[in-house]
Every structure is written in structure tokens, then in C-alpha cells.
């Protein structure tokens, strides 16, 4: 699996797995479509992922294992770090209502960066 593939899945997981205040957790529940795009580096160009968020936690269907440490603040700010093997990604951005967007950068293996967009689908 390419760096972009695990990064996209990890980004989505970090967004929804991040610790949230109980009152804020429910507002992000539902089905999300997240597009992850590489702007710099030798990572795959773009991916789109479906993520289900329940009780502030994300469910991802892939077999990959990620170490995720992140949070979504009460104002929707997303801050997370994700690692898998030697690859690491730092993710930041914001969720607001039914959309979200932000940036990501990798370090460790291949060094890449880009942006992500999220849309709540239900």
C-alpha cells in the first residue's frame, strides 16, 4: 500500500477518533466522504474514503494498523499525528457543520504534503 493510501485512511481515522467533549462528539456522527490530495512529494495523487462516525469514533474498513493521537476541539479544530512503521503524518484543519478541510504533511519515509476535504453524507 502506498504512503498516500495509508495516509488518507489515517487522516480520516484521526479526524473522527480524536478525543472530543461529549457535547461535541455527537455533532460529527454520520457518514463522511473525505478526499485526500497530494500537492508536494512522491505520494499517490488523490484518494477518496468513506468513513462512518458513531459516538465521536470512526470506523474504517481497511486492514491497516495506525497509531493515531489527535483531537477535535470544541470549535471543530482538528489536530492529530498518525504513524505507521517509519511513516508519520501531521494533520490539521477544521470540521464545521457538514464539511471539513485542512492540510497534512508526512515525515519519516517519503516526505509529502497536501490537503483534505470532508463532506458529511448522512
PDB file of N, CA and C in Angstrom:
ATOM      1  N   UNK A   1       0.854  -1.175   0.000  1.00  0.00           N
ATOM      2  CA  UNK A   1       0.000   0.000   0.000  1.00  0.00           C
ATOM      3  C   UNK A   1       0.891   1.226   0.000  1.00  0.00           C
ATOM      4  N   UNK A   2       0.600   2.210  -0.850  1.00  0.00           N
ATOM      5  CA  UNK A   2       1.386   3.423  -0.952  1.00  0.00           C
ATOM      6  C   UNK A   2       1.187   4.331   0.249  1.00  0.00           C
ATOM      7  N   UNK A   3       2.126   5.253   0.419  1.00  0.00           N
ATOM      8  CA  UNK A   3       2.048   6.204   1.521  1.00  0.00           C
ATOM      9  C   UNK A   3       0.728   6.956   1.484  1.00  0.00           C
ATOM     10  N   UNK A   4       0.287   7.354   0.288  1.00  0.00           N
ATOM     11  CA  UNK A   4      -0.959   8.118   0.186  1.00  0.00           C
ATOM     12  C   UNK A   4      -2.144   7.292   0.649  1.00  0.00           C
ATOM     13  N   UNK A   5      -2.136   6.001   0.342  1.00  0.00           N
ATOM     14  CA  UNK A   5      -3.252   5.149   0.735  1.00  0.00           C
ATOM     15  C   UNK A   5      -3.385   5.084   2.241  1.00  0.00           C
ATOM     16  N   UNK A   6      -2.287   4.806   2.937  1.00  0.00           N
ATOM     17  CA  UNK A   6      -2.391   4.726   4.394  1.00  0.00           C
ATOM     18  C   UNK A   6      -2.624   6.095   4.987  1.00  0.00           C
ATOM     19  N   UNK A   7      -2.042   7.130   4.380  1.00  0.00           N
ATOM     20  CA  UNK A   7      -2.232   8.474   4.906  1.00  0.00           C
ATOM     21  C   UNK A   7      -3.683   8.897   4.830  1.00  0.00           C
ATOM     22  N   UNK A   8      -4.318   8.645   3.692  1.00  0.00           N
ATOM     23  CA  UNK A   8      -5.723   9.021   3.546  1.00  0.00           C
ATOM     24  C   UNK A   8      -6.587   8.331   4.570  1.00  0.00           C
ATOM     25  N   UNK A   9      -6.390   7.044   4.734  1.00  0.00           N
ATOM     26  CA  UNK A   9      -7.175   6.300   5.713  1.00  0.00           C
ATOM     27  C   UNK A   9      -6.874   6.792   7.117  1.00  0.00           C
ATOM     28  N   UNK A  10      -5.612   7.047   7.400  1.00  0.00           N
ATOM     29  CA  UNK A  10      -5.237   7.507   8.726  1.00  0.00           C
ATOM     30  C   UNK A  10      -5.771   8.904   9.009  1.00  0.00           C
ATOM     31  N   UNK A  11      -5.750   9.761   8.000  1.00  0.00           N
ATOM     32  CA  UNK A  11      -6.289  11.110   8.178  1.00  0.00           C
ATOM     33  C   UNK A  11      -7.751  11.053   8.562  1.00  0.00           C
ATOM     34  N   UNK A  12      -8.499  10.250   7.864  1.00  0.00           N
ATOM     35  CA  UNK A  12      -9.923  10.115   8.159  1.00  0.00           C
ATOM     36  C   UNK A  12     -10.145   9.563   9.547  1.00  0.00           C
ATOM     37  N   UNK A  13      -9.351   8.566   9.892  1.00  0.00           N
ATOM     38  CA  UNK A  13      -9.485   7.963  11.208  1.00  0.00           C
ATOM     39  C   UNK A  13      -9.140   8.979  12.283  1.00  0.00           C
ATOM     40  N   UNK A  14      -8.086   9.755  12.072  1.00  0.00           N
ATOM     41  CA  UNK A  14      -7.682  10.743  13.066  1.00  0.00           C
ATOM     42  C   UNK A  14      -8.743  11.797  13.285  1.00  0.00           C
ATOM     43  N   UNK A  15      -9.387  12.210  12.234  1.00  0.00           N
ATOM     44  CA  UNK A  15     -10.420  13.234  12.344  1.00  0.00           C
ATOM     45  C   UNK A  15     -11.518  12.770  13.275  1.00  0.00           C
ATOM     46  N   UNK A  16     -11.962  11.543  13.107  1.00  0.00           N
ATOM     47  CA  UNK A  16     -13.108  11.070  13.866  1.00  0.00           C
ATOM     48  C   UNK A  16     -12.731  10.380  15.163  1.00  0.00           C
ATOM     49  N   UNK A  17     -11.532   9.833  15.279  1.00  0.00           N
ATOM     50  CA  UNK A  17     -11.134   9.163  16.504  1.00  0.00           C
ATOM     51  C   UNK A  17     -10.633  10.138  17.553  1.00  0.00           C
ATOM     52  N   UNK A  18     -10.368  11.344  17.166  1.00  0.00           N
ATOM     53  CA  UNK A  18      -9.815  12.318  18.082  1.00  0.00           C
ATOM     54  C   UNK A  18     -10.727  12.515  19.282  1.00  0.00           C
ATOM     55  N   UNK A  19     -10.129  12.649  20.484  1.00  0.00           N
ATOM     56  CA  UNK A  19     -10.950  12.877  21.666  1.00  0.00           C
ATOM     57  C   UNK A  19     -11.761  14.161  21.525  1.00  0.00           C
ATOM     58  N   UNK A  20     -13.015  14.102  21.933  1.00  0.00           N
ATOM     59  CA  UNK A  20     -13.897  15.258  21.837  1.00  0.00           C
ATOM     60  C   UNK A  20     -14.711  15.360  23.113  1.00  0.00           C
ATOM     61  N   UNK A  21     -15.095  16.555  23.463  1.00  0.00           N
ATOM     62  CA  UNK A  21     -16.020  16.728  24.572  1.00  0.00           C
ATOM     63  C   UNK A  21     -17.310  16.014  24.211  1.00  0.00           C
ATOM     64  N   UNK A  22     -17.985  15.424  25.193  1.00  0.00           N
ATOM     65  CA  UNK A  22     -19.185  14.640  24.923  1.00  0.00           C
ATOM     66  C   UNK A  22     -20.210  15.437  24.122  1.00  0.00           C
ATOM     67  N   UNK A  23     -20.404  16.681  24.459  1.00  0.00           N
ATOM     68  CA  UNK A  23     -21.402  17.501  23.763  1.00  0.00           C
ATOM     69  C   UNK A  23     -21.034  17.701  22.297  1.00  0.00           C
ATOM     70  N   UNK A  24     -19.742  17.680  21.988  1.00  0.00           N
ATOM     71  CA  UNK A  24     -19.299  17.893  20.619  1.00  0.00           C
ATOM     72  C   UNK A  24     -19.267  16.606  19.803  1.00  0.00           C
ATOM     73  N   UNK A  25     -19.101  15.459  20.459  1.00  0.00           N
ATOM     74  CA  UNK A  25     -18.923  14.193  19.745  1.00  0.00           C
ATOM     75  C   UNK A  25     -20.095  13.889  18.823  1.00  0.00           C
ATOM     76  N   UNK A  26     -21.318  14.026  19.310  1.00  0.00           N
ATOM     77  CA  UNK A  26     -22.490  13.665  18.521  1.00  0.00           C
ATOM     78  C   UNK A  26     -22.649  14.525  17.274  1.00  0.00           C
ATOM     79  N   UNK A  27     -22.179  15.736  17.291  1.00  0.00           N
ATOM     80  CA  UNK A  27     -22.402  16.616  16.146  1.00  0.00           C
ATOM     81  C   UNK A  27     -21.640  16.162  14.911  1.00  0.00           C
ATOM     82  N   UNK A  28     -20.630  15.306  15.070  1.00  0.00           N
ATOM     83  CA  UNK A  28     -19.869  14.805  13.930  1.00  0.00           C
ATOM     84  C   UNK A  28     -20.267  13.390  13.523  1.00  0.00           C
ATOM     85  N   UNK A  29     -21.251  12.800  14.201  1.00  0.00           N
ATOM     86  CA  UNK A  29     -21.697  11.446  13.857  1.00  0.00           C
ATOM     87  C   UNK A  29     -22.319  11.413  12.467  1.00  0.00           C
ATOM     88  N   UNK A  30     -22.091  10.325  11.739  1.00  0.00           N
ATOM     89  CA  UNK A  30     -22.688  10.134  10.424  1.00  0.00           C
ATOM     90  C   UNK A  30     -21.700   9.575   9.427  1.00  0.00           C
ATOM     91  N   UNK A  31     -22.086   9.603   8.168  1.00  0.00           N
ATOM     92  CA  UNK A  31     -21.248   9.116   7.070  1.00  0.00           C
ATOM     93  C   UNK A  31     -20.497  10.290   6.452  1.00  0.00           C
ATOM     94  N   UNK A  32     -19.191  10.149   6.323  1.00  0.00           N
ATOM     95  CA  UNK A  32     -18.343  11.193   5.770  1.00  0.00           C
ATOM     96  C   UNK A  32     -17.627  10.694   4.527  1.00  0.00           C
ATOM     97  N   UNK A  33     -17.503  11.553   3.543  1.00  0.00           N
ATOM     98  CA  UNK A  33     -16.690  11.287   2.365  1.00  0.00           C
ATOM     99  C   UNK A  33     -15.507  12.244   2.438  1.00  0.00           C
ATOM    100  N   UNK A  34     -14.299  11.693   2.469  1.00  0.00           N
ATOM    101  CA  UNK A  34     -13.105  12.519   2.630  1.00  0.00           C
ATOM    102  C   UNK A  34     -12.178  12.305   1.444  1.00  0.00           C
ATOM    103  N   UNK A  35     -11.787  13.408   0.851  1.00  0.00           N
ATOM    104  CA  UNK A  35     -10.836  13.405  -0.254  1.00  0.00           C
ATOM    105  C   UNK A  35      -9.495  13.888   0.281  1.00  0.00           C
ATOM    106  N   UNK A  36      -8.435  13.112   0.017  1.00  0.00           N
ATOM    107  CA  UNK A  36      -7.081  13.459   0.437  1.00  0.00           C
ATOM    108  C   UNK A  36      -6.256  13.661  -0.830  1.00  0.00           C
ATOM    109  N   UNK A  37      -5.641  14.837  -0.967  1.00  0.00           N
ATOM    110  CA  UNK A  37      -4.922  15.197  -2.193  1.00  0.00           C
ATOM    111  C   UNK A  37      -3.470  15.543  -1.867  1.00  0.00           C
ATOM    112  N   UNK A  38      -2.535  14.984  -2.645  1.00  0.00           N
ATOM    113  CA  UNK A  38      -1.113  15.309  -2.513  1.00  0.00           C
ATOM    114  C   UNK A  38      -0.796  16.511  -3.390  1.00  0.00           C
ATOM    115  N   UNK A  39      -0.150  17.509  -2.804  1.00  0.00           N
ATOM    116  CA  UNK A  39       0.299  18.676  -3.572  1.00  0.00           C
ATOM    117  C   UNK A  39       1.804  18.648  -3.820  1.00  0.00           C
ATOM    118  N   UNK A  40       2.568  18.089  -2.869  1.00  0.00           N
ATOM    119  CA  UNK A  40       4.024  18.027  -2.998  1.00  0.00           C
ATOM    120  C   UNK A  40       4.506  16.652  -2.569  1.00  0.00           C
ATOM    121  N   UNK A  41       5.505  16.141  -3.291  1.00  0.00           N
ATOM    122  CA  UNK A  41       6.107  14.870  -2.919  1.00  0.00           C
ATOM    123  C   UNK A  41       5.677  13.731  -3.823  1.00  0.00           C
ATOM    124  N   UNK A  42       6.263  12.570  -3.572  1.00  0.00           N
ATOM    125  CA  UNK A  42       6.055  11.396  -4.423  1.00  0.00           C
ATOM    126  C   UNK A  42       5.012  10.437  -3.855  1.00  0.00           C
ATOM    127  N   UNK A  43       3.979  10.958  -3.243  1.00  0.00           N
ATOM    128  CA  UNK A  43       2.875  10.134  -2.746  1.00  0.00           C
ATOM    129  C   UNK A  43       1.792  10.059  -3.823  1.00  0.00           C
ATOM    130  N   UNK A  44       0.902   9.085  -3.697  1.00  0.00           N
ATOM    131  CA  UNK A  44      -0.198   8.960  -4.655  1.00  0.00           C
ATOM    132  C   UNK A  44      -0.971  10.273  -4.733  1.00  0.00           C
ATOM    133  N   UNK A  45      -1.490  10.607  -5.918  1.00  0.00           N
ATOM    134  CA  UNK A  45      -2.115  11.910  -6.178  1.00  0.00           C
ATOM    135  C   UNK A  45      -3.344  12.204  -5.324  1.00  0.00           C
ATOM    136  N   UNK A  46      -4.308  11.292  -5.285  1.00  0.00           N
ATOM    137  CA  UNK A  46      -5.536  11.580  -4.532  1.00  0.00           C
ATOM    138  C   UNK A  46      -6.300  10.294  -4.245  1.00  0.00           C
ATOM    139  N   UNK A  47      -7.017  10.315  -3.157  1.00  0.00           N
ATOM    140  CA  UNK A  47      -7.909   9.220  -2.776  1.00  0.00           C
ATOM    141  C   UNK A  47      -9.162   9.798  -2.159  1.00  0.00           C
ATOM    142  N   UNK A  48     -10.247   9.033  -2.224  1.00  0.00           N
ATOM    143  CA  UNK A  48     -11.492   9.388  -1.540  1.00  0.00           C
ATOM    144  C   UNK A  48     -11.881   8.192  -0.680  1.00  0.00           C
ATOM    145  N   UNK A  49     -12.271   8.468   0.550  1.00  0.00           N
ATOM    146  CA  UNK A  49     -12.606   7.417   1.500  1.00  0.00           C
ATOM    147  C   UNK A  49     -13.964   7.667   2.122  1.00  0.00           C
ATOM    148  N   UNK A  50     -14.652   6.579   2.423  1.00  0.00           N
ATOM    149  CA  UNK A  50     -15.899   6.649   3.187  1.00  0.00           C
ATOM    150  C   UNK A  50     -15.578   6.292   4.631  1.00  0.00           C
ATOM    151  N   UNK A  51     -16.065   7.098   5.552  1.00  0.00           N
ATOM    152  CA  UNK A  51     -15.850   6.872   6.978  1.00  0.00           C
ATOM    153  C   UNK A  51     -17.182   7.031   7.690  1.00  0.00           C
ATOM    154  N   UNK A  52     -17.446   6.142   8.632  1.00  0.00           N
ATOM    155  CA  UNK A  52     -18.647   6.240   9.455  1.00  0.00           C
ATOM    156  C   UNK A  52     -18.211   6.665  10.845  1.00  0.00           C
ATOM    157  N   UNK A  53     -18.814   7.738  11.353  1.00  0.00           N
ATOM    158  CA  UNK A  53     -18.513   8.225  12.697  1.00  0.00           C
ATOM    159  C   UNK A  53     -19.706   7.938  13.586  1.00  0.00           C
ATOM    160  N   UNK A  54     -19.461   7.245  14.698  1.00  0.00           N
ATOM    161  CA  UNK A  54     -20.504   6.951  15.682  1.00  0.00           C
ATOM    162  C   UNK A  54     -19.973   7.297  17.057  1.00  0.00           C
ATOM    163  N   UNK A  55     -20.743   8.074  17.800  1.00  0.00           N
ATOM    164  CA  UNK A  55     -20.338   8.482  19.146  1.00  0.00           C
ATOM    165  C   UNK A  55     -18.937   9.092  19.152  1.00  0.00           C
ATOM    166  N   UNK A  56     -18.632   9.863  18.122  1.00  0.00           N
ATOM    167  CA  UNK A  56     -17.343  10.533  18.042  1.00  0.00           C
ATOM    168  C   UNK A  56     -16.191   9.644  17.622  1.00  0.00           C
ATOM    169  N   UNK A  57     -16.431   8.401  17.274  1.00  0.00           N
ATOM    170  CA  UNK A  57     -15.390   7.460  16.850  1.00  0.00           C
ATOM    171  C   UNK A  57     -15.628   7.024  15.408  1.00  0.00           C
ATOM    172  N   UNK A  58     -14.523   6.867  14.684  1.00  0.00           N
ATOM    173  CA  UNK A  58     -14.620   6.486  13.269  1.00  0.00           C
ATOM    174  C   UNK A  58     -14.457   4.991  13.096  1.00  0.00           C
ATOM    175  N   UNK A  59     -15.107   4.482  12.087  1.00  0.00           N
ATOM    176  CA  UNK A  59     -14.955   3.100  11.671  1.00  0.00           C
ATOM    177  C   UNK A  59     -14.367   3.117  10.274  1.00  0.00           C
ATOM    178  N   UNK A  60     -13.247   2.444  10.110  1.00  0.00           N
ATOM    179  CA  UNK A  60     -12.611   2.336   8.801  1.00  0.00           C
ATOM    180  C   UNK A  60     -12.537   0.864   8.447  1.00  0.00           C
ATOM    181  N   UNK A  61     -12.898   0.503   7.237  1.00  0.00           N
ATOM    182  CA  UNK A  61     -12.998  -0.887   6.840  1.00  0.00           C
ATOM    183  C   UNK A  61     -11.709  -1.545   6.399  1.00  0.00           C
ATOM    184  N   UNK A  62     -10.630  -0.798   6.272  1.00  0.00           N
ATOM    185  CA  UNK A  62      -9.384  -1.378   5.781  1.00  0.00           C
ATOM    186  C   UNK A  62      -8.635  -2.154   6.849  1.00  0.00           C
ATOM    187  N   UNK A  63      -7.697  -3.011   6.426  1.00  0.00           N
ATOM    188  CA  UNK A  63      -6.945  -3.850   7.356  1.00  0.00           C
ATOM    189  C   UNK A  63      -5.723  -3.157   7.966  1.00  0.00           C
ATOM    190  N   UNK A  64      -5.452  -1.927   7.598  1.00  0.00           N
ATOM    191  CA  UNK A  64      -4.246  -1.251   8.048  1.00  0.00           C
ATOM    192  C   UNK A  64      -4.293  -0.945   9.543  1.00  0.00           C
ATOM    193  N   UNK A  65      -3.109  -0.903  10.145  1.00  0.00           N
ATOM    194  CA  UNK A  65      -2.985  -0.525  11.555  1.00  0.00           C
ATOM    195  C   UNK A  65      -2.295   0.827  11.635  1.00  0.00           C
ATOM    196  N   UNK A  66      -2.879   1.741  12.379  1.00  0.00           N
ATOM    197  CA  UNK A  66      -2.335   3.082  12.530  1.00  0.00           C
ATOM    198  C   UNK A  66      -2.225   3.431  14.003  1.00  0.00           C
ATOM    199  N   UNK A  67      -1.225   4.222  14.351  1.00  0.00           N
ATOM    200  CA  UNK A  67      -1.148   4.834  15.670  1.00  0.00           C
ATOM    201  C   UNK A  67      -1.652   6.257  15.493  1.00  0.00           C
ATOM    202  N   UNK A  68      -2.770   6.565  16.144  1.00  0.00           N
ATOM    203  CA  UNK A  68      -3.402   7.870  15.981  1.00  0.00           C
ATOM    204  C   UNK A  68      -3.425   8.582  17.324  1.00  0.00           C
ATOM    205  N   UNK A  69      -2.976   9.830  17.343  1.00  0.00           N
ATOM    206  CA  UNK A  69      -3.036  10.661  18.535  1.00  0.00           C
ATOM    207  C   UNK A  69      -3.515  12.033  18.080  1.00  0.00           C
ATOM    208  N   UNK A  70      -4.773  12.366  18.421  1.00  0.00           N
ATOM    209  CA  UNK A  70      -5.289  13.634  17.943  1.00  0.00           C
ATOM    210  C   UNK A  70      -6.509  14.089  18.695  1.00  0.00           C
ATOM    211  N   UNK A  71      -6.975  15.271  18.341  1.00  0.00           N
ATOM    212  CA  UNK A  71      -8.162  15.806  18.993  1.00  0.00           C
ATOM    213  C   UNK A  71      -8.902  16.769  18.087  1.00  0.00           C
ATOM    214  N   UNK A  72     -10.198  16.886  18.363  1.00  0.00           N
ATOM    215  CA  UNK A  72     -11.033  17.906  17.734  1.00  0.00           C
ATOM    216  C   UNK A  72     -11.520  18.786  18.873  1.00  0.00           C
ATOM    217  N   UNK A  73     -11.157  20.062  18.855  1.00  0.00           N
ATOM    218  CA  UNK A  73     -11.557  20.959  19.937  1.00  0.00           C
ATOM    219  C   UNK A  73     -13.036  21.315  19.813  1.00  0.00           C
ATOM    220  N   UNK A  74     -13.548  21.983  20.806  1.00  0.00           N
ATOM    221  CA  UNK A  74     -14.971  22.346  20.805  1.00  0.00           C
ATOM    222  C   UNK A  74     -15.344  23.254  19.636  1.00  0.00           C
ATOM    223  N   UNK A  75     -14.369  23.967  19.059  1.00  0.00           N
ATOM    224  CA  UNK A  75     -14.675  24.816  17.896  1.00  0.00           C
ATOM    225  C   UNK A  75     -14.477  24.075  16.569  1.00  0.00           C
ATOM    226  N   UNK A  76     -14.195  22.746  16.628  1.00  0.00           N
ATOM    227  CA  UNK A  76     -14.046  21.945  15.423  1.00  0.00           C
ATOM    228  C   UNK A  76     -12.632  21.832  14.895  1.00  0.00           C
ATOM    229  N   UNK A  77     -11.675  22.459  15.559  1.00  0.00           N
ATOM    230  CA  UNK A  77     -10.289  22.403  15.118  1.00  0.00           C
ATOM    231  C   UNK A  77      -9.751  20.973  15.230  1.00  0.00           C
ATOM    232  N   UNK A  78      -9.129  20.483  14.151  1.00  0.00           N
ATOM    233  CA  UNK A  78      -8.569  19.133  14.103  1.00  0.00           C
ATOM    234  C   UNK A  78      -7.054  19.229  14.198  1.00  0.00           C
ATOM    235  N   UNK A  79      -6.465  18.485  15.124  1.00  0.00           N
ATOM    236  CA  UNK A  79      -5.016  18.401  15.263  1.00  0.00           C
ATOM    237  C   UNK A  79      -4.678  16.958  15.594  1.00  0.00           C
ATOM    238  N   UNK A  80      -3.826  16.327  14.783  1.00  0.00           N
ATOM    239  CA  UNK A  80      -3.525  14.914  15.003  1.00  0.00           C
ATOM    240  C   UNK A  80      -2.166  14.543  14.444  1.00  0.00           C
ATOM    241  N   UNK A  81      -1.607  13.477  14.983  1.00  0.00           N
ATOM    242  CA  UNK A  81      -0.436  12.850  14.377  1.00  0.00           C
ATOM    243  C   UNK A  81      -0.776  11.383  14.169  1.00  0.00           C
ATOM    244  N   UNK A  82      -0.339  10.848  13.057  1.00  0.00           N
ATOM    245  CA  UNK A  82      -0.627   9.475  12.676  1.00  0.00           C
ATOM    246  C   UNK A  82       0.686   8.831  12.275  1.00  0.00           C
ATOM    247  N   UNK A  83       0.922   7.597  12.725  1.00  0.00           N
ATOM    248  CA  UNK A  83       2.133   6.908  12.302  1.00  0.00           C
ATOM    249  C   UNK A  83       1.842   5.455  11.969  1.00  0.00           C
ATOM    250  N   UNK A  84       2.654   4.943  11.068  1.00  0.00           N
ATOM    251  CA  UNK A  84       2.592   3.538  10.669  1.00  0.00           C
ATOM    252  C   UNK A  84       3.982   3.179  10.182  1.00  0.00           C
ATOM    253  N   UNK A  85       4.655   2.304  10.900  1.00  0.00           N
ATOM    254  CA  UNK A  85       6.036   1.986  10.555  1.00  0.00           C
ATOM    255  C   UNK A  85       6.889   3.239  10.662  1.00  0.00           C
ATOM    256  N   UNK A  86       7.662   3.521   9.625  1.00  0.00           N
ATOM    257  CA  UNK A  86       8.511   4.713   9.625  1.00  0.00           C
ATOM    258  C   UNK A  86       7.787   5.952   9.127  1.00  0.00           C
ATOM    259  N   UNK A  87       6.597   5.780   8.596  1.00  0.00           N
ATOM    260  CA  UNK A  87       5.850   6.918   8.059  1.00  0.00           C
ATOM    261  C   UNK A  87       5.054   7.604   9.157  1.00  0.00           C
ATOM    262  N   UNK A  88       5.043   8.915   9.095  1.00  0.00           N
ATOM    263  CA  UNK A  88       4.298   9.713  10.067  1.00  0.00           C
ATOM    264  C   UNK A  88       3.622  10.856   9.320  1.00  0.00           C
ATOM    265  N   UNK A  89       2.416  11.198   9.749  1.00  0.00           N
ATOM    266  CA  UNK A  89       1.702  12.328   9.158  1.00  0.00           C
ATOM    267  C   UNK A  89       1.180  13.226  10.263  1.00  0.00           C
ATOM    268  N   UNK A  90       1.308  14.515  10.053  1.00  0.00           N
ATOM    269  CA  UNK A  90       0.716  15.511  10.940  1.00  0.00           C
ATOM    270  C   UNK A  90      -0.455  16.125  10.196  1.00  0.00           C
ATOM    271  N   UNK A  91      -1.602  16.128  10.845  1.00  0.00           N
ATOM    272  CA  UNK A  91      -2.849  16.567  10.222  1.00  0.00           C
ATOM    273  C   UNK A  91      -3.409  17.742  11.007  1.00  0.00           C
ATOM    274  N   UNK A  92      -3.879  18.752  10.293  1.00  0.00           N
ATOM    275  CA  UNK A  92      -4.563  19.862  10.963  1.00  0.00           C
ATOM    276  C   UNK A  92      -5.692  20.340  10.067  1.00  0.00           C
ATOM    277  N   UNK A  93      -6.645  21.006  10.661  1.00  0.00           N
ATOM    278  CA  UNK A  93      -7.771  21.526   9.898  1.00  0.00           C
ATOM    279  C   UNK A  93      -8.942  21.818  10.792  1.00  0.00           C
ATOM    280  N   UNK A  94     -10.126  21.814  10.201  1.00  0.00           N
ATOM    281  CA  UNK A  94     -11.324  22.169  10.959  1.00  0.00           C
ATOM    282  C   UNK A  94     -12.543  21.465  10.383  1.00  0.00           C
ATOM    283  N   UNK A  95     -13.395  20.988  11.290  1.00  0.00           N
ATOM    284  CA  UNK A  95     -14.720  20.492  10.931  1.00  0.00           C
ATOM    285  C   UNK A  95     -15.719  21.560  11.328  1.00  0.00           C
ATOM    286  N   UNK A  96     -16.695  21.791  10.471  1.00  0.00           N
ATOM    287  CA  UNK A  96     -17.726  22.787  10.757  1.00  0.00           C
ATOM    288  C   UNK A  96     -19.016  22.339  10.099  1.00  0.00           C
ATOM    289  N   UNK A  97     -20.003  22.027  10.917  1.00  0.00           N
ATOM    290  CA  UNK A  97     -21.271  21.564  10.361  1.00  0.00           C
ATOM    291  C   UNK A  97     -21.089  20.280   9.592  1.00  0.00           C
ATOM    292  N   UNK A  98     -21.379  20.324   8.294  1.00  0.00           N
ATOM    293  CA  UNK A  98     -21.303  19.136   7.444  1.00  0.00           C
ATOM    294  C   UNK A  98     -20.078  19.085   6.544  1.00  0.00           C
ATOM    295  N   UNK A  99     -19.092  19.932   6.797  1.00  0.00           N
ATOM    296  CA  UNK A  99     -17.885  19.932   5.976  1.00  0.00           C
ATOM    297  C   UNK A  99     -16.645  20.041   6.849  1.00  0.00           C
ATOM    298  N   UNK A 100     -15.519  19.781   6.235  1.00  0.00           N
ATOM    299  CA  UNK A 100     -14.242  19.934   6.919  1.00  0.00           C
ATOM    300  C   UNK A 100     -13.146  20.076   5.893  1.00  0.00           C
ATOM    301  N   UNK A 101     -12.040  20.659   6.310  1.00  0.00           N
ATOM    302  CA  UNK A 101     -10.894  20.786   5.420  1.00  0.00           C
ATOM    303  C   UNK A 101      -9.655  21.055   6.246  1.00  0.00           C
ATOM    304  N   UNK A 102      -8.518  20.797   5.629  1.00  0.00           N
ATOM    305  CA  UNK A 102      -7.270  21.021   6.335  1.00  0.00           C
ATOM    306  C   UNK A 102      -6.086  20.586   5.505  1.00  0.00           C
ATOM    307  N   UNK A 103      -4.953  20.459   6.163  1.00  0.00           N
ATOM    308  CA  UNK A 103      -3.709  20.096   5.499  1.00  0.00           C
ATOM    309  C   UNK A 103      -3.068  18.911   6.205  1.00  0.00           C
ATOM    310  N   UNK A 104      -2.130  18.285   5.513  1.00  0.00           N
ATOM    311  CA  UNK A 104      -1.365  17.188   6.086  1.00  0.00           C
ATOM    312  C   UNK A 104       0.058  17.228   5.544  1.00  0.00           C
ATOM    313  N   UNK A 105       0.989  16.718   6.326  1.00  0.00           N
ATOM    314  CA  UNK A 105       2.379  16.564   5.904  1.00  0.00           C
ATOM    315  C   UNK A 105       2.894  15.238   6.450  1.00  0.00           C
ATOM    316  N   UNK A 106       3.782  14.598   5.711  1.00  0.00           N
ATOM    317  CA  UNK A 106       4.400  13.368   6.187  1.00  0.00           C
ATOM    318  C   UNK A 106       5.849  13.643   6.539  1.00  0.00           C
ATOM    319  N   UNK A 107       6.420  12.724   7.305  1.00  0.00           N
ATOM    320  CA  UNK A 107       7.852  12.720   7.579  1.00  0.00           C
ATOM    321  C   UNK A 107       8.235  11.274   7.855  1.00  0.00           C
ATOM    322  N   UNK A 108       9.489  10.976   7.840  1.00  0.00           N
ATOM    323  CA  UNK A 108       9.915   9.601   8.058  1.00  0.00           C
ATOM    324  C   UNK A 108      10.290   8.964   6.748  1.00  0.00           C
ATOM    325  N   UNK A 109       9.361   8.265   6.120  1.00  0.00           N
ATOM    326  CA  UNK A 109       9.612   7.641   4.812  1.00  0.00           C
ATOM    327  C   UNK A 109       9.651   8.709   3.738  1.00  0.00           C
ATOM    328  N   UNK A 110       8.708   8.643   2.822  1.00  0.00           N
ATOM    329  CA  UNK A 110       8.605   9.687   1.801  1.00  0.00           C
ATOM    330  C   UNK A 110       8.032  10.948   2.427  1.00  0.00           C
ATOM    331  N   UNK A 111       8.555  12.086   2.012  1.00  0.00           N
ATOM    332  CA  UNK A 111       8.056  13.356   2.535  1.00  0.00           C
ATOM    333  C   UNK A 111       7.091  13.953   1.513  1.00  0.00           C
ATOM    334  N   UNK A 112       5.841  14.122   1.938  1.00  0.00           N
ATOM    335  CA  UNK A 112       4.782  14.643   1.073  1.00  0.00           C
ATOM    336  C   UNK A 112       3.921  15.606   1.877  1.00  0.00           C
ATOM    337  N   UNK A 113       3.112  16.374   1.175  1.00  0.00           N
ATOM    338  CA  UNK A 113       2.151  17.246   1.848  1.00  0.00           C
ATOM    339  C   UNK A 113       0.979  17.496   0.917  1.00  0.00           C
ATOM    340  N   UNK A 114      -0.106  17.956   1.503  1.00  0.00           N
ATOM    341  CA  UNK A 114      -1.286  18.239   0.703  1.00  0.00           C
ATOM    342  C   UNK A 114      -2.430  18.725   1.557  1.00  0.00           C
ATOM    343  N   UNK A 115      -3.640  18.502   1.061  1.00  0.00           N
ATOM    344  CA  UNK A 115      -4.825  18.959   1.779  1.00  0.00           C
ATOM    345  C   UNK A 115      -5.882  17.867   1.781  1.00  0.00           C
ATOM    346  N   UNK A 116      -6.872  18.033   2.650  1.00  0.00           N
ATOM    347  CA  UNK A 116      -8.017  17.124   2.701  1.00  0.00           C
ATOM    348  C   UNK A 116      -9.300  17.933   2.795  1.00  0.00           C
ATOM    349  N   UNK A 117     -10.355  17.367   2.221  1.00  0.00           N
ATOM    350  CA  UNK A 117     -11.704  17.939   2.286  1.00  0.00           C
ATOM    351  C   UNK A 117     -12.643  16.844   2.756  1.00  0.00           C
ATOM    352  N   UNK A 118     -13.572  17.193   3.609  1.00  0.00           N
ATOM    353  CA  UNK A 118     -14.539  16.210   4.100  1.00  0.00           C
ATOM    354  C   UNK A 118     -15.948  16.751   3.924  1.00  0.00           C
ATOM    355  N   UNK A 119     -16.867  15.845   3.622  1.00  0.00           N
ATOM    356  CA  UNK A 119     -18.276  16.208   3.480  1.00  0.00           C
ATOM    357  C   UNK A 119     -19.123  15.153   4.168  1.00  0.00           C
ATOM    358  N   UNK A 120     -19.997  15.600   5.034  1.00  0.00           N
ATOM    359  CA  UNK A 120     -20.894  14.675   5.719  1.00  0.00           C
ATOM    360  C   UNK A 120     -22.005  14.286   4.761  1.00  0.00           C
ATOM    361  N   UNK A 121     -22.233  12.969   4.621  1.00  0.00           N
ATOM    362  CA  UNK A 121     -23.211  12.461   3.668  1.00  0.00           C
ATOM    363  C   UNK A 121     -24.463  11.913   4.327  1.00  0.00           C
ATOM    364  N   UNK A 122     -24.535  11.886   5.603  1.00  0.00           N
ATOM    365  CA  UNK A 122     -25.739  11.378   6.258  1.00  0.00           C
ATOM    366  C   UNK A 122     -25.511  10.982   7.673  1.00  0.00           C
TER     367      UNK A 122
END
